[in-house]
PDB file of N, CA and C in Angstrom:
ATOM      1  N   MET A   1      84.754 160.055 -28.705  1.00  0.00           N
ATOM      2  CA  MET A   1      83.594 160.885 -28.429  1.00  0.00           C
ATOM      3  C   MET A   1      84.050 162.326 -28.372  1.00  0.00           C
ATOM      4  N   ARG A   2      83.305 163.194 -28.999  1.00  0.00           N
ATOM      5  CA  ARG A   2      83.634 164.616 -29.013  1.00  0.00           C
ATOM      6  C   ARG A   2      83.201 165.268 -27.713  1.00  0.00           C
ATOM      7  N   PRO A   3      84.010 166.230 -27.212  1.00  0.00           N
ATOM      8  CA  PRO A   3      83.565 166.964 -26.026  1.00  0.00           C
ATOM      9  C   PRO A   3      82.215 167.609 -26.299  1.00  0.00           C
ATOM     10  N   GLY A   4      81.364 167.622 -25.293  1.00  0.00           N
ATOM     11  CA  GLY A   4      80.049 168.213 -25.430  1.00  0.00           C
ATOM     12  C   GLY A   4      78.987 167.225 -25.862  1.00  0.00           C
ATOM     13  N   ARG A   5      79.380 166.072 -26.355  1.00  0.00           N
ATOM     14  CA  ARG A   5      78.419 165.082 -26.836  1.00  0.00           C
ATOM     15  C   ARG A   5      77.559 164.539 -25.699  1.00  0.00           C
ATOM     16  N   LEU A   6      78.141 164.216 -24.560  1.00  0.00           N
ATOM     17  CA  LEU A   6      77.379 163.640 -23.455  1.00  0.00           C
ATOM     18  C   LEU A   6      76.263 164.562 -22.990  1.00  0.00           C
ATOM     19  N   PRO A   7      76.535 165.820 -22.638  1.00  0.00           N
ATOM     20  CA  PRO A   7      75.430 166.684 -22.219  1.00  0.00           C
ATOM     21  C   PRO A   7      74.420 166.906 -23.343  1.00  0.00           C
ATOM     22  N   ALA A   8      74.884 167.025 -24.580  1.00  0.00           N
ATOM     23  CA  ALA A   8      73.949 167.225 -25.686  1.00  0.00           C
ATOM     24  C   ALA A   8      73.052 166.003 -25.840  1.00  0.00           C
ATOM     25  N   LEU A   9      73.615 164.816 -25.746  1.00  0.00           N
ATOM     26  CA  LEU A   9      72.842 163.588 -25.848  1.00  0.00           C
ATOM     27  C   LEU A   9      71.814 163.493 -24.739  1.00  0.00           C
ATOM     28  N   LEU A  10      72.193 163.856 -23.543  1.00  0.00           N
ATOM     29  CA  LEU A  10      71.310 163.708 -22.399  1.00  0.00           C
ATOM     30  C   LEU A  10      70.437 164.935 -22.153  1.00  0.00           C
ATOM     31  N   PHE A  11      70.587 165.966 -22.977  1.00  0.00           N
ATOM     32  CA  PHE A  11      69.822 167.193 -22.759  1.00  0.00           C
ATOM     33  C   PHE A  11      68.324 166.917 -22.726  1.00  0.00           C
ATOM     34  N   GLY A  12      67.875 166.020 -23.570  1.00  0.00           N
ATOM     35  CA  GLY A  12      66.456 165.708 -23.633  1.00  0.00           C
ATOM     36  C   GLY A  12      65.921 165.078 -22.362  1.00  0.00           C
ATOM     37  N   ILE A  13      66.826 164.446 -21.561  1.00  0.00           N
ATOM     38  CA  ILE A  13      66.378 163.829 -20.320  1.00  0.00           C
ATOM     39  C   ILE A  13      66.829 164.628 -19.102  1.00  0.00           C
ATOM     40  N   ALA A  14      67.449 165.778 -19.352  1.00  0.00           N
ATOM     41  CA  ALA A  14      67.951 166.566 -18.227  1.00  0.00           C
ATOM     42  C   ALA A  14      66.809 167.128 -17.393  1.00  0.00           C
ATOM     43  N   LEU A  15      67.010 167.129 -16.120  1.00  0.00           N
ATOM     44  CA  LEU A  15      66.098 167.743 -15.176  1.00  0.00           C
ATOM     45  C   LEU A  15      66.629 169.136 -14.882  1.00  0.00           C
ATOM     46  N   ALA A  16      64.979 169.905 -14.787  1.00  0.00           N
ATOM     47  CA  ALA A  16      65.403 171.250 -14.480  1.00  0.00           C
ATOM     48  C   ALA A  16      66.241 171.184 -13.123  1.00  0.00           C
ATOM     49  N   GLY A  17      89.128 172.533  -2.508  1.00  0.00           N
ATOM     50  CA  GLY A  17      89.669 171.703  -1.512  1.00  0.00           C
ATOM     51  C   GLY A  17      90.561 170.560  -1.962  1.00  0.00           C
ATOM     52  N   PRO A  18      90.399 169.445  -1.308  1.00  0.00           N
ATOM     53  CA  PRO A  18      91.214 168.263  -1.562  1.00  0.00           C
ATOM     54  C   PRO A  18      90.482 167.297  -2.462  1.00  0.00           C
ATOM     55  N   ALA A  19      91.220 166.267  -2.931  1.00  0.00           N
ATOM     56  CA  ALA A  19      90.654 165.284  -3.841  1.00  0.00           C
ATOM     57  C   ALA A  19      89.415 164.624  -3.272  1.00  0.00           C
ATOM     58  N   GLY A  20      89.314 164.482  -1.990  1.00  0.00           N
ATOM     59  CA  GLY A  20      88.172 163.824  -1.382  1.00  0.00           C
ATOM     60  C   GLY A  20      87.026 164.767  -1.081  1.00  0.00           C
ATOM     61  N   ALA A  21      87.069 165.987  -1.581  1.00  0.00           N
ATOM     62  CA  ALA A  21      86.041 166.972  -1.229  1.00  0.00           C
ATOM     63  C   ALA A  21      84.649 166.534  -1.649  1.00  0.00           C
ATOM     64  N   ALA A  22      84.516 165.860  -2.789  1.00  0.00           N
ATOM     65  CA  ALA A  22      83.185 165.401  -3.208  1.00  0.00           C
ATOM     66  C   ALA A  22      82.648 164.399  -2.195  1.00  0.00           C
ATOM     67  N   ALA A  23      83.503 163.528  -1.699  1.00  0.00           N
ATOM     68  CA  ALA A  23      83.079 162.561  -0.691  1.00  0.00           C
ATOM     69  C   ALA A  23      82.654 163.285   0.583  1.00  0.00           C
ATOM     70  N   ASP A  24      83.294 164.413   0.874  1.00  0.00           N
ATOM     71  CA  ASP A  24      82.956 165.176   2.072  1.00  0.00           C
ATOM     72  C   ASP A  24      81.599 165.858   1.969  1.00  0.00           C
ATOM     73  N   ILE A  25      81.214 166.322   0.781  1.00  0.00           N
ATOM     74  CA  ILE A  25      79.938 167.012   0.675  1.00  0.00           C
ATOM     75  C   ILE A  25      78.799 166.069   0.304  1.00  0.00           C
ATOM     76  N   VAL A  26      79.094 165.027  -0.436  1.00  0.00           N
ATOM     77  CA  VAL A  26      78.066 164.049  -0.811  1.00  0.00           C
ATOM     78  C   VAL A  26      78.128 162.945   0.234  1.00  0.00           C
ATOM     79  N   ASP A  27      77.270 163.091   1.244  1.00  0.00           N
ATOM     80  CA  ASP A  27      77.334 162.230   2.423  1.00  0.00           C
ATOM     81  C   ASP A  27      76.372 161.054   2.365  1.00  0.00           C
ATOM     82  N   GLY A  28      76.055 160.622   1.185  1.00  0.00           N
ATOM     83  CA  GLY A  28      75.139 159.497   1.018  1.00  0.00           C
ATOM     84  C   GLY A  28      74.795 159.352  -0.445  1.00  0.00           C
ATOM     85  N   SER A  29      73.689 158.710  -0.717  1.00  0.00           N
ATOM     86  CA  SER A  29      73.214 158.534  -2.084  1.00  0.00           C
ATOM     87  C   SER A  29      72.035 159.463  -2.334  1.00  0.00           C
ATOM     88  N   TYR A  30      72.043 160.086  -3.498  1.00  0.00           N
ATOM     89  CA  TYR A  30      70.996 161.001  -3.915  1.00  0.00           C
ATOM     90  C   TYR A  30      70.540 160.569  -5.302  1.00  0.00           C
ATOM     91  N   GLY A  31      69.235 160.525  -5.511  1.00  0.00           N
ATOM     92  CA  GLY A  31      68.767 160.135  -6.830  1.00  0.00           C
ATOM     93  C   GLY A  31      67.272 160.220  -6.966  1.00  0.00           C
ATOM     94  N   ASP A  32      66.804 159.888  -8.174  1.00  0.00           N
ATOM     95  CA  ASP A  32      65.375 159.736  -8.375  1.00  0.00           C
ATOM     96  C   ASP A  32      65.001 158.323  -7.901  1.00  0.00           C
ATOM     97  N   THR A  33      63.755 157.924  -8.041  1.00  0.00           N
ATOM     98  CA  THR A  33      63.304 156.625  -7.543  1.00  0.00           C
ATOM     99  C   THR A  33      64.143 155.491  -8.114  1.00  0.00           C
ATOM    100  N   GLU A  34      64.375 155.513  -9.409  1.00  0.00           N
ATOM    101  CA  GLU A  34      65.128 154.437 -10.064  1.00  0.00           C
ATOM    102  C   GLU A  34      66.604 154.478  -9.671  1.00  0.00           C
ATOM    103  N   GLY A  35      67.158 155.670  -9.513  1.00  0.00           N
ATOM    104  CA  GLY A  35      68.550 155.801  -9.082  1.00  0.00           C
ATOM    105  C   GLY A  35      68.749 155.289  -7.673  1.00  0.00           C
ATOM    106  N   CYS A  36      67.802 155.564  -6.796  1.00  0.00           N
ATOM    107  CA  CYS A  36      67.891 155.068  -5.416  1.00  0.00           C
ATOM    108  C   CYS A  36      67.746 153.549  -5.376  1.00  0.00           C
ATOM    109  N   HIS A  37      66.912 152.997  -6.259  1.00  0.00           N
ATOM    110  CA  HIS A  37      66.803 151.540  -6.369  1.00  0.00           C
ATOM    111  C   HIS A  37      68.166 150.950  -6.750  1.00  0.00           C
ATOM    112  N   TYR A  38      68.826 151.580  -7.716  1.00  0.00           N
ATOM    113  CA  TYR A  38      70.154 151.137  -8.148  1.00  0.00           C
ATOM    114  C   TYR A  38      71.163 151.235  -6.995  1.00  0.00           C
ATOM    115  N   ALA A  39      71.083 152.314  -6.227  1.00  0.00           N
ATOM    116  CA  ALA A  39      71.998 152.491  -5.086  1.00  0.00           C
ATOM    117  C   ALA A  39      71.794 151.399  -4.047  1.00  0.00           C
ATOM    118  N   ALA A  40      70.539 151.028  -3.800  1.00  0.00           N
ATOM    119  CA  ALA A  40      70.228 150.036  -2.764  1.00  0.00           C
ATOM    120  C   ALA A  40      70.539 148.612  -3.192  1.00  0.00           C
ATOM    121  N   THR A  41      70.361 148.307  -4.484  1.00  0.00           N
ATOM    122  CA  THR A  41      70.479 146.915  -4.933  1.00  0.00           C
ATOM    123  C   THR A  41      71.697 146.646  -5.807  1.00  0.00           C
ATOM    124  N   GLY A  42      72.255 147.696  -6.407  1.00  0.00           N
ATOM    125  CA  GLY A  42      73.361 147.504  -7.344  1.00  0.00           C
ATOM    126  C   GLY A  42      72.877 147.017  -8.699  1.00  0.00           C
ATOM    127  N   GLU A  43      71.570 146.983  -8.886  1.00  0.00           N
ATOM    128  CA  GLU A  43      70.997 146.502 -10.142  1.00  0.00           C
ATOM    129  C   GLU A  43      70.009 147.521 -10.687  1.00  0.00           C
ATOM    130  N   SER A  44      69.987 147.636 -11.997  1.00  0.00           N
ATOM    131  CA  SER A  44      69.029 148.527 -12.636  1.00  0.00           C
ATOM    132  C   SER A  44      67.645 147.895 -12.589  1.00  0.00           C
ATOM    133  N   SER A  45      66.647 148.736 -12.458  1.00  0.00           N
ATOM    134  CA  SER A  45      65.264 148.262 -12.492  1.00  0.00           C
ATOM    135  C   SER A  45      64.809 148.045 -13.934  1.00  0.00           C
ATOM    136  N   GLY A  46      65.656 148.421 -14.882  1.00  0.00           N
ATOM    137  CA  GLY A  46      65.297 148.340 -16.287  1.00  0.00           C
ATOM    138  C   GLY A  46      64.769 149.649 -16.829  1.00  0.00           C
ATOM    139  N   ALA A  47      64.723 150.667 -15.986  1.00  0.00           N
ATOM    140  CA  ALA A  47      64.238 151.978 -16.417  1.00  0.00           C
ATOM    141  C   ALA A  47      65.170 152.569 -17.473  1.00  0.00           C
ATOM    142  N   ASP A  48      64.587 153.272 -18.419  1.00  0.00           N
ATOM    143  CA  ASP A  48      65.376 153.917 -19.468  1.00  0.00           C
ATOM    144  C   ASP A  48      66.167 155.101 -18.945  1.00  0.00           C
ATOM    145  N   PHE A  49      65.684 155.726 -17.862  1.00  0.00           N
ATOM    146  CA  PHE A  49      66.340 156.907 -17.302  1.00  0.00           C
ATOM    147  C   PHE A  49      66.426 156.784 -15.791  1.00  0.00           C
ATOM    148  N   PHE A  50      67.585 157.131 -15.241  1.00  0.00           N
ATOM    149  CA  PHE A  50      67.704 157.300 -13.794  1.00  0.00           C
ATOM    150  C   PHE A  50      68.916 158.143 -13.499  1.00  0.00           C
ATOM    151  N   PHE A  51      68.937 158.732 -12.308  1.00  0.00           N
ATOM    152  CA  PHE A  51      70.046 159.558 -11.857  1.00  0.00           C
ATOM    153  C   PHE A  51      70.438 159.136 -10.458  1.00  0.00           C
ATOM    154  N   LEU A  52      71.738 158.998 -10.234  1.00  0.00           N
ATOM    155  CA  LEU A  52      72.267 158.665  -8.917  1.00  0.00           C
ATOM    156  C   LEU A  52      73.553 159.453  -8.704  1.00  0.00           C
ATOM    157  N   LEU A  53      73.624 160.150  -7.583  1.00  0.00           N
ATOM    158  CA  LEU A  53      74.815 160.883  -7.167  1.00  0.00           C
ATOM    159  C   LEU A  53      75.276 160.278  -5.861  1.00  0.00           C
ATOM    160  N   ASN A  54      76.575 159.935  -5.785  1.00  0.00           N
ATOM    161  CA  ASN A  54      77.165 159.491  -4.520  1.00  0.00           C
ATOM    162  C   ASN A  54      78.588 160.015  -4.445  1.00  0.00           C
ATOM    163  N   LYS A  55      79.342 159.593  -3.451  1.00  0.00           N
ATOM    164  CA  LYS A  55      80.684 160.138  -3.229  1.00  0.00           C
ATOM    165  C   LYS A  55      81.649 159.831  -4.370  1.00  0.00           C
ATOM    166  N   ASP A  56      81.328 158.830  -5.205  1.00  0.00           N
ATOM    167  CA  ASP A  56      82.221 158.438  -6.290  1.00  0.00           C
ATOM    168  C   ASP A  56      81.948 159.155  -7.601  1.00  0.00           C
ATOM    169  N   GLY A  57      80.685 159.569  -7.803  1.00  0.00           N
ATOM    170  CA  GLY A  57      80.351 160.203  -9.065  1.00  0.00           C
ATOM    171  C   GLY A  57      78.865 160.243  -9.315  1.00  0.00           C
ATOM    172  N   VAL A  58      78.525 160.387 -10.601  1.00  0.00           N
ATOM    173  CA  VAL A  58      77.136 160.479 -11.037  1.00  0.00           C
ATOM    174  C   VAL A  58      76.890 159.359 -12.039  1.00  0.00           C
ATOM    175  N   THR A  59      75.831 158.588 -11.794  1.00  0.00           N
ATOM    176  CA  THR A  59      75.469 157.489 -12.681  1.00  0.00           C
ATOM    177  C   THR A  59      74.101 157.771 -13.274  1.00  0.00           C
ATOM    178  N   THR A  60      73.967 157.553 -14.576  1.00  0.00           N
ATOM    179  CA  THR A  60      72.667 157.616 -15.238  1.00  0.00           C
ATOM    180  C   THR A  60      72.489 156.294 -15.979  1.00  0.00           C
ATOM    181  N   ALA A  61      71.354 156.129 -16.619  1.00  0.00           N
ATOM    182  CA  ALA A  61      71.095 154.911 -17.377  1.00  0.00           C
ATOM    183  C   ALA A  61      72.046 154.783 -18.567  1.00  0.00           C
ATOM    184  N   ALA A  62      72.591 155.901 -19.040  1.00  0.00           N
ATOM    185  CA  ALA A  62      73.414 155.872 -20.248  1.00  0.00           C
ATOM    186  C   ALA A  62      74.851 156.348 -20.043  1.00  0.00           C
ATOM    187  N   SER A  63      75.217 156.759 -18.832  1.00  0.00           N
ATOM    188  CA  SER A  63      76.561 157.292 -18.636  1.00  0.00           C
ATOM    189  C   SER A  63      76.991 157.187 -17.178  1.00  0.00           C
ATOM    190  N   TYR A  64      78.309 157.383 -16.979  1.00  0.00           N
ATOM    191  CA  TYR A  64      78.864 157.425 -15.633  1.00  0.00           C
ATOM    192  C   TYR A  64      79.947 158.486 -15.618  1.00  0.00           C
ATOM    193  N   CYS A  65      79.878 159.391 -14.645  1.00  0.00           N
ATOM    194  CA  CYS A  65      80.906 160.418 -14.470  1.00  0.00           C
ATOM    195  C   CYS A  65      81.577 160.161 -13.129  1.00  0.00           C
ATOM    196  N   GLU A  66      82.854 159.796 -13.184  1.00  0.00           N
ATOM    197  CA  GLU A  66      83.622 159.518 -11.962  1.00  0.00           C
ATOM    198  C   GLU A  66      84.362 160.771 -11.540  1.00  0.00           C
ATOM    199  N   PHE A  67      84.232 161.128 -10.250  1.00  0.00           N
ATOM    200  CA  PHE A  67      84.947 162.281  -9.734  1.00  0.00           C
ATOM    201  C   PHE A  67      86.439 162.008  -9.742  1.00  0.00           C
ATOM    202  N   LYS A  68      87.216 162.996 -10.207  1.00  0.00           N
ATOM    203  CA  LYS A  68      88.677 162.889 -10.298  1.00  0.00           C
ATOM    204  C   LYS A  68      89.290 164.216  -9.894  1.00  0.00           C
ATOM    205  N   GLY A  69      90.461 164.169  -9.283  1.00  0.00           N
ATOM    206  CA  GLY A  69      91.185 165.397  -8.998  1.00  0.00           C
ATOM    207  C   GLY A  69      90.633 166.188  -7.833  1.00  0.00           C
ATOM    208  N   GLU A  70      91.043 167.464  -7.782  1.00  0.00           N
ATOM    209  CA  GLU A  70      90.677 168.342  -6.668  1.00  0.00           C
ATOM    210  C   GLU A  70      89.344 169.035  -6.888  1.00  0.00           C
ATOM    211  N   ALA A  71      88.513 169.038  -5.879  1.00  0.00           N
ATOM    212  CA  ALA A  71      87.260 169.788  -5.905  1.00  0.00           C
ATOM    213  C   ALA A  71      87.517 171.168  -5.306  1.00  0.00           C
ATOM    214  N   LYS A  72      86.759 172.168  -5.784  1.00  0.00           N
ATOM    215  CA  LYS A  72      86.914 173.538  -5.295  1.00  0.00           C
ATOM    216  C   LYS A  72      85.561 174.082  -4.871  1.00  0.00           C
ATOM    217  N   GLN A  73      85.554 174.778  -3.750  1.00  0.00           N
ATOM    218  CA  GLN A  73      84.350 175.463  -3.296  1.00  0.00           C
ATOM    219  C   GLN A  73      84.206 176.755  -4.095  1.00  0.00           C
ATOM    220  N   MET A  74      83.027 176.986  -4.643  1.00  0.00           N
ATOM    221  CA  MET A  74      82.739 178.207  -5.404  1.00  0.00           C
ATOM    222  C   MET A  74      81.427 178.757  -4.868  1.00  0.00           C
ATOM    223  N   GLY A  75      81.506 179.679  -3.923  1.00  0.00           N
ATOM    224  CA  GLY A  75      80.299 180.165  -3.277  1.00  0.00           C
ATOM    225  C   GLY A  75      79.691 179.026  -2.480  1.00  0.00           C
ATOM    226  N   GLY A  76      78.428 178.740  -2.673  1.00  0.00           N
ATOM    227  CA  GLY A  76      77.774 177.651  -1.970  1.00  0.00           C
ATOM    228  C   GLY A  76      77.850 176.327  -2.700  1.00  0.00           C
ATOM    229  N   ALA A  77      78.496 176.297  -3.867  1.00  0.00           N
ATOM    230  CA  ALA A  77      78.581 175.079  -4.674  1.00  0.00           C
ATOM    231  C   ALA A  77      79.987 174.502  -4.632  1.00  0.00           C
ATOM    232  N   THR A  78      80.119 173.298  -5.153  1.00  0.00           N
ATOM    233  CA  THR A  78      81.421 172.648  -5.282  1.00  0.00           C
ATOM    234  C   THR A  78      81.625 172.257  -6.731  1.00  0.00           C
ATOM    235  N   VAL A  79      82.767 172.640  -7.296  1.00  0.00           N
ATOM    236  CA  VAL A  79      83.127 172.271  -8.660  1.00  0.00           C
ATOM    237  C   VAL A  79      84.057 171.066  -8.569  1.00  0.00           C
ATOM    238  N   VAL A  80      83.667 169.984  -9.244  1.00  0.00           N
ATOM    239  CA  VAL A  80      84.398 168.724  -9.148  1.00  0.00           C
ATOM    240  C   VAL A  80      84.817 168.261 -10.538  1.00  0.00           C
ATOM    241  N   PRO A  81      86.123 168.057 -10.765  1.00  0.00           N
ATOM    242  CA  PRO A  81      86.537 167.464 -12.035  1.00  0.00           C
ATOM    243  C   PRO A  81      86.025 166.025 -12.120  1.00  0.00           C
ATOM    244  N   ALA A  82      85.589 165.643 -13.303  1.00  0.00           N
ATOM    245  CA  ALA A  82      85.059 164.295 -13.500  1.00  0.00           C
ATOM    246  C   ALA A  82      85.458 163.790 -14.882  1.00  0.00           C
ATOM    247  N   GLU A  83      85.530 162.478 -15.005  1.00  0.00           N
ATOM    248  CA  GLU A  83      85.716 161.829 -16.297  1.00  0.00           C
ATOM    249  C   GLU A  83      84.438 161.068 -16.582  1.00  0.00           C
ATOM    250  N   CYS A  84      83.793 161.413 -17.699  1.00  0.00           N
ATOM    251  CA  CYS A  84      82.503 160.821 -18.030  1.00  0.00           C
ATOM    252  C   CYS A  84      82.657 159.794 -19.144  1.00  0.00           C
ATOM    253  N   HIS A  85      81.961 158.705 -18.972  1.00  0.00           N
ATOM    254  CA  HIS A  85      81.984 157.596 -19.926  1.00  0.00           C
ATOM    255  C   HIS A  85      80.552 157.335 -20.367  1.00  0.00           C
ATOM    256  N   GLU A  86      80.322 157.392 -21.649  1.00  0.00           N
ATOM    257  CA  GLU A  86      78.998 157.155 -22.204  1.00  0.00           C
ATOM    258  C   GLU A  86      78.871 155.689 -22.608  1.00  0.00           C
ATOM    259  N   GLU A  87      77.739 155.081 -22.313  1.00  0.00           N
ATOM    260  CA  GLU A  87      77.506 153.687 -22.666  1.00  0.00           C
ATOM    261  C   GLU A  87      77.734 153.492 -24.169  1.00  0.00           C
ATOM    262  N   GLY A  88      78.477 152.428 -24.503  1.00  0.00           N
ATOM    263  CA  GLY A  88      78.755 152.131 -25.898  1.00  0.00           C
ATOM    264  C   GLY A  88      80.049 152.729 -26.421  1.00  0.00           C
ATOM    265  N   TYR A  89      80.721 153.553 -25.611  1.00  0.00           N
ATOM    266  CA  TYR A  89      81.974 154.185 -26.018  1.00  0.00           C
ATOM    267  C   TYR A  89      83.060 153.851 -25.010  1.00  0.00           C
ATOM    268  N   GLU A  90      84.281 153.683 -25.500  1.00  0.00           N
ATOM    269  CA  GLU A  90      85.403 153.370 -24.610  1.00  0.00           C
ATOM    270  C   GLU A  90      86.054 154.628 -24.050  1.00  0.00           C
ATOM    271  N   GLU A  91      85.976 155.743 -24.794  1.00  0.00           N
ATOM    272  CA  GLU A  91      86.647 156.968 -24.388  1.00  0.00           C
ATOM    273  C   GLU A  91      85.926 157.625 -23.220  1.00  0.00           C
ATOM    274  N   THR A  92      86.700 158.383 -22.456  1.00  0.00           N
ATOM    275  CA  THR A  92      86.112 159.218 -21.419  1.00  0.00           C
ATOM    276  C   THR A  92      86.297 160.679 -21.835  1.00  0.00           C
ATOM    277  N   THR A  93      85.419 161.524 -21.334  1.00  0.00           N
ATOM    278  CA  THR A  93      85.490 162.947 -21.617  1.00  0.00           C
ATOM    279  C   THR A  93      85.581 163.694 -20.295  1.00  0.00           C
ATOM    280  N   PRO A  94      86.579 164.584 -20.150  1.00  0.00           N
ATOM    281  CA  PRO A  94      86.692 165.342 -18.899  1.00  0.00           C
ATOM    282  C   PRO A  94      85.670 166.479 -18.845  1.00  0.00           C
ATOM    283  N   TYR A  95      85.110 166.678 -17.669  1.00  0.00           N
ATOM    284  CA  TYR A  95      84.179 167.772 -17.411  1.00  0.00           C
ATOM    285  C   TYR A  95      84.455 168.311 -16.023  1.00  0.00           C
ATOM    286  N   GLU A  96      84.046 169.544 -15.785  1.00  0.00           N
ATOM    287  CA  GLU A  96      83.963 170.074 -14.428  1.00  0.00           C
ATOM    288  C   GLU A  96      82.486 170.152 -14.101  1.00  0.00           C
ATOM    289  N   LEU A  97      82.046 169.343 -13.150  1.00  0.00           N
ATOM    290  CA  LEU A  97      80.653 169.324 -12.730  1.00  0.00           C
ATOM    291  C   LEU A  97      80.491 170.236 -11.523  1.00  0.00           C
ATOM    292  N   THR A  98      79.396 170.942 -11.468  1.00  0.00           N
ATOM    293  CA  THR A  98      79.098 171.800 -10.334  1.00  0.00           C
ATOM    294  C   THR A  98      77.973 171.168  -9.537  1.00  0.00           C
ATOM    295  N   LEU A  99      78.239 170.884  -8.265  1.00  0.00           N
ATOM    296  CA  LEU A  99      77.254 170.313  -7.352  1.00  0.00           C
ATOM    297  C   LEU A  99      76.745 171.441  -6.467  1.00  0.00           C
ATOM    298  N   THR A 100      75.465 171.763  -6.618  1.00  0.00           N
ATOM    299  CA  THR A 100      74.871 172.857  -5.870  1.00  0.00           C
ATOM    300  C   THR A 100      73.814 172.319  -4.917  1.00  0.00           C
ATOM    301  N   PRO A 101      73.960 172.567  -3.613  1.00  0.00           N
ATOM    302  CA  PRO A 101      72.903 172.139  -2.679  1.00  0.00           C
ATOM    303  C   PRO A 101      71.576 172.762  -3.090  1.00  0.00           C
ATOM    304  N   ASP A 102      70.507 171.947  -3.055  1.00  0.00           N
ATOM    305  CA  ASP A 102      69.220 172.405  -3.559  1.00  0.00           C
ATOM    306  C   ASP A 102      68.094 171.714  -2.799  1.00  0.00           C
ATOM    307  N   ASN A 103      67.490 172.402  -1.822  1.00  0.00           N
ATOM    308  CA  ASN A 103      66.335 171.877  -1.084  1.00  0.00           C
ATOM    309  C   ASN A 103      66.586 170.524  -0.421  1.00  0.00           C
ATOM    310  N   GLY A 104      67.752 170.311   0.141  1.00  0.00           N
ATOM    311  CA  GLY A 104      68.080 169.049   0.788  1.00  0.00           C
ATOM    312  C   GLY A 104      68.693 168.024  -0.148  1.00  0.00           C
ATOM    313  N   GLY A 105      68.839 168.362  -1.407  1.00  0.00           N
ATOM    314  CA  GLY A 105      69.461 167.488  -2.396  1.00  0.00           C
ATOM    315  C   GLY A 105      70.539 168.265  -3.131  1.00  0.00           C
ATOM    316  N   TYR A 106      70.787 167.888  -4.365  1.00  0.00           N
ATOM    317  CA  TYR A 106      71.797 168.562  -5.186  1.00  0.00           C
ATOM    318  C   TYR A 106      71.293 168.727  -6.606  1.00  0.00           C
ATOM    319  N   THR A 107      71.729 169.804  -7.242  1.00  0.00           N
ATOM    320  CA  THR A 107      71.589 169.962  -8.678  1.00  0.00           C
ATOM    321  C   THR A 107      72.988 169.831  -9.255  1.00  0.00           C
ATOM    322  N   ILE A 108      73.109 169.056 -10.322  1.00  0.00           N
ATOM    323  CA  ILE A 108      74.386 168.820 -10.985  1.00  0.00           C
ATOM    324  C   ILE A 108      74.357 169.602 -12.290  1.00  0.00           C
ATOM    325  N   SER A 109      75.356 170.459 -12.491  1.00  0.00           N
ATOM    326  CA  SER A 109      75.411 171.293 -13.691  1.00  0.00           C
ATOM    327  C   SER A 109      76.667 171.001 -14.483  1.00  0.00           C
ATOM    328  N   PHE A 110      76.511 170.981 -15.807  1.00  0.00           N
ATOM    329  CA  PHE A 110      77.628 170.832 -16.744  1.00  0.00           C
ATOM    330  C   PHE A 110      78.006 172.206 -17.273  1.00  0.00           C
ATOM    331  N   PRO A 111      79.238 172.353 -17.795  1.00  0.00           N
ATOM    332  CA  PRO A 111      79.678 173.655 -18.302  1.00  0.00           C
ATOM    333  C   PRO A 111      78.796 174.225 -19.413  1.00  0.00           C
ATOM    334  N   ASP A 112      78.111 173.365 -20.190  1.00  0.00           N
ATOM    335  CA  ASP A 112      77.281 173.864 -21.287  1.00  0.00           C
ATOM    336  C   ASP A 112      75.890 174.315 -20.835  1.00  0.00           C
ATOM    337  N   GLY A 113      75.625 174.264 -19.513  1.00  0.00           N
ATOM    338  CA  GLY A 113      74.342 174.698 -18.991  1.00  0.00           C
ATOM    339  C   GLY A 113      73.361 173.569 -18.718  1.00  0.00           C
ATOM    340  N   THR A 114      73.678 172.347 -19.139  1.00  0.00           N
ATOM    341  CA  THR A 114      72.825 171.197 -18.842  1.00  0.00           C
ATOM    342  C   THR A 114      72.781 170.999 -17.336  1.00  0.00           C
ATOM    343  N   ARG A 115      71.566 170.769 -16.809  1.00  0.00           N
ATOM    344  CA  ARG A 115      71.403 170.578 -15.359  1.00  0.00           C
ATOM    345  C   ARG A 115      70.590 169.324 -15.089  1.00  0.00           C
ATOM    346  N   TRP A 116      70.987 168.592 -14.075  1.00  0.00           N
ATOM    347  CA  TRP A 116      70.255 167.428 -13.592  1.00  0.00           C
ATOM    348  C   TRP A 116      69.856 167.711 -12.153  1.00  0.00           C
ATOM    349  N   GLY A 117      68.597 167.630 -11.850  1.00  0.00           N
ATOM    350  CA  GLY A 117      68.184 167.791 -10.479  1.00  0.00           C
ATOM    351  C   GLY A 117      67.079 168.794 -10.315  1.00  0.00           C
ATOM    352  N   PRO A 118      66.703 169.051  -9.066  1.00  0.00           N
ATOM    353  CA  PRO A 118      67.413 168.550  -7.883  1.00  0.00           C
ATOM    354  C   PRO A 118      67.231 167.044  -7.693  1.00  0.00           C
ATOM    355  N   ILE A 119      68.291 166.435  -7.253  1.00  0.00           N
ATOM    356  CA  ILE A 119      68.319 165.008  -6.951  1.00  0.00           C
ATOM    357  C   ILE A 119      68.335 164.890  -5.429  1.00  0.00           C
ATOM    358  N   MET A 120      67.325 164.245  -4.897  1.00  0.00           N
ATOM    359  CA  MET A 120      67.121 164.200  -3.444  1.00  0.00           C
ATOM    360  C   MET A 120      67.782 162.971  -2.812  1.00  0.00           C
ATOM    361  N   ARG A 121      68.015 163.050  -1.499  1.00  0.00           N
ATOM    362  CA  ARG A 121      68.643 161.967  -0.742  1.00  0.00           C
ATOM    363  C   ARG A 121      67.763 160.716  -0.812  1.00  0.00           C
ATOM    364  N   CYS A 122      68.410 159.577  -1.043  1.00  0.00           N
ATOM    365  CA  CYS A 122      67.700 158.297  -1.058  1.00  0.00           C
ATOM    366  C   CYS A 122      67.325 157.907   0.367  1.00  0.00           C
ATOM    367  N   LYS A 123      66.157 157.336   0.519  1.00  0.00           N
ATOM    368  CA  LYS A 123      65.742 156.826   1.831  1.00  0.00           C
ATOM    369  C   LYS A 123      66.503 155.548   2.133  1.00  0.00           C
ATOM    370  N   LYS A 124      66.847 155.364   3.393  1.00  0.00           N
ATOM    371  CA  LYS A 124      67.620 154.168   3.761  1.00  0.00           C
ATOM    372  C   LYS A 124      66.745 152.993   4.001  1.00  0.00           C
TER     373      LYS A 124
END
């Protein structure tokens, strides 16, 4: 997979410290309705699109980005290295994702300007 392919592929569905730093700032599960369903049950509802952010990474219906390496605070946001895997491909692509607090949730930004969110906290 070529770098940049994942954000370009998902652009149409995009919504407007130490290694454990992502776990420190992401203190639960954040997602849309379908993403929160996935967080609660571990199973997809069958929806074509969903977003879920937790301490391990970002999951969508078509991809998974696992947080790796050291996270850095940049102003009010956190930049987290991640390895993203697109459904149907074996390769992973490295990205630096920016997690920005946004109205009680987070917006996830890719280096190419693609943004997902705000993704709100899942109800328990």
